Amino acid sequence: MNIDFSKLDTILTLLHSIEKVLTTQTEKRWLTTRELSDYIGYSLDSINKMVKDDVFIDGVHYYKPSKKLLFDKQEIDNWIIGFKSERVKRDVNLVVDEILATIQ
């Protein structure tokens, strides 16, 4: 078998270029409503309704630093798999305690 190594330098250069792109590329953490819609496959109306109905929690799943909402991709991923962060658990426990205190 006769192997032609004349293109080996070109292949190595391309591999180094790919490696550089992959190691410097960072994943985006904050998503706009439209980006979130594309990411999770929900319509914009559904996402806005979920915000209005407090399915997504202000300060946990999203922030509103200006007119538009920015969603925390990590918290959305946790929401999708059903994981509740310690902050959410603490907030839920506080609300339950407040409700129970008014009943007793």
Protein backbone atom coordinates (compact mmCIF):
# COMPACT_ATOMS: atom_id res chain seq x y z
CA MET A 1 0.00 0.00 0.00
CA ASN A 2 1.37 3.38 -1.02
CA ILE A 3 0.29 6.34 1.21
CA ASP A 4 0.61 9.94 0.04
CA PHE A 5 1.67 12.18 2.96
CA SER A 6 1.86 15.38 0.91
CA LYS A 7 -1.37 16.77 2.41
CA LEU A 8 -0.47 15.91 6.00
CA ASP A 9 0.67 19.47 6.83
CA THR A 10 -2.63 20.89 5.55
CA ILE A 11 -4.60 18.39 7.61
CA LEU A 12 -2.61 19.22 10.75
CA THR A 13 -3.13 22.94 10.20
CA LEU A 14 -6.88 22.43 9.82
CA LEU A 15 -7.00 20.26 12.95
CA HIS A 16 -5.19 22.93 14.96
CA SER A 17 -7.61 25.56 13.68
CA ILE A 18 -10.59 23.42 14.69
CA GLU A 19 -9.08 22.74 18.10
CA LYS A 20 -8.53 26.47 18.68
CA VAL A 21 -12.14 27.28 17.80
CA LEU A 22 -13.48 24.53 20.05
CA THR A 23 -11.36 25.50 23.05
CA THR A 24 -12.10 29.23 22.82
CA GLN A 25 -15.80 28.83 22.16
CA THR A 26 -17.92 29.39 25.25
CA GLU A 27 -21.54 28.46 25.69
CA LYS A 28 -23.99 31.32 25.98
CA ARG A 29 -25.61 31.47 29.43
CA TRP A 30 -28.21 34.22 28.97
CA LEU A 31 -30.95 33.78 26.39
CA THR A 32 -33.53 36.20 25.03
CA THR A 33 -37.15 35.07 24.85
CA ARG A 34 -36.73 34.23 21.17
CA GLU A 35 -33.51 32.28 21.81
CA LEU A 36 -35.22 30.40 24.64
CA SER A 37 -38.11 29.60 22.32
CA ASP A 38 -35.70 28.09 19.80
CA TYR A 39 -33.77 26.30 22.55
CA ILE A 40 -36.68 24.55 24.28
CA GLY A 41 -39.14 24.44 21.37
CA TYR A 42 -41.91 26.46 23.05
CA SER A 43 -43.71 29.32 21.30
CA LEU A 44 -43.04 32.91 22.33
CA ASP A 45 -46.63 33.15 23.58
CA SER A 46 -46.17 30.05 25.74
CA ILE A 47 -42.99 31.42 27.28
CA ASN A 48 -44.60 34.80 27.98
CA LYS A 49 -47.59 33.04 29.57
CA MET A 50 -45.25 30.96 31.72
CA VAL A 51 -43.58 34.17 32.91
CA LYS A 52 -46.97 35.76 33.64
CA ASP A 53 -48.19 32.62 35.48
CA ASP A 54 -44.97 32.45 37.55
CA VAL A 55 -43.92 29.11 36.09
CA PHE A 56 -40.62 30.87 35.45
CA ILE A 57 -39.55 32.73 38.58
CA ASP A 58 -38.17 36.26 38.42
CA GLY A 59 -34.67 36.25 39.87
CA VAL A 60 -34.26 32.52 39.33
CA HIS A 61 -35.21 31.58 35.76
CA TYR A 62 -35.06 35.06 34.29
CA TYR A 63 -34.01 38.63 34.97
CA LYS A 64 -35.29 41.85 33.51
CA PRO A 65 -32.36 44.29 33.49
CA SER A 66 -34.06 46.44 30.84
CA LYS A 67 -37.19 46.11 28.73
CA LYS A 68 -36.42 42.59 27.61
CA LEU A 69 -36.16 39.41 29.66
CA LEU A 70 -32.95 37.43 29.90
CA PHE A 71 -33.32 33.76 30.78
CA ASP A 72 -30.67 31.83 32.69
CA LYS A 73 -29.96 28.80 30.52
CA GLN A 74 -28.62 26.80 33.48
CA GLU A 75 -31.79 27.35 35.52
CA ILE A 76 -33.98 26.56 32.51
CA ASP A 77 -32.08 23.29 32.04
CA ASN A 78 -32.66 22.51 35.73
CA TRP A 79 -36.36 23.32 35.34
CA ILE A 80 -36.62 20.99 32.35
CA ILE A 81 -35.12 18.04 34.21
CA GLY A 82 -37.14 18.82 37.33
CA PHE A 83 -34.23 19.87 39.53
CA LYS A 84 -35.01 22.59 42.07
CA SER A 85 -32.11 24.74 43.17
CA GLU A 86 -31.55 25.36 46.88
CA ARG A 87 -32.81 28.91 46.42
CA VAL A 88 -36.10 27.72 44.94
CA LYS A 89 -36.52 25.11 47.69
CA ARG A 90 -35.85 27.78 50.34
CA ASP A 91 -38.32 30.20 48.75
CA VAL A 92 -41.00 27.51 48.54
CA ASN A 93 -40.43 26.56 52.17
CA LEU A 94 -40.76 30.21 53.24
CA VAL A 95 -44.06 30.58 51.42
CA VAL A 96 -45.40 27.34 52.91
CA ASP A 97 -44.33 28.47 56.39
CA GLU A 98 -46.08 31.82 55.90
CA ILE A 99 -49.28 30.14 54.77
CA LEU A 100 -49.21 27.69 57.65
CA ALA A 101 -48.63 30.52 60.13
CA THR A 102 -51.75 32.33 58.93
CA ILE A 103 -53.86 29.18 59.21
CA GLN A 104 -52.84 28.23 62.74
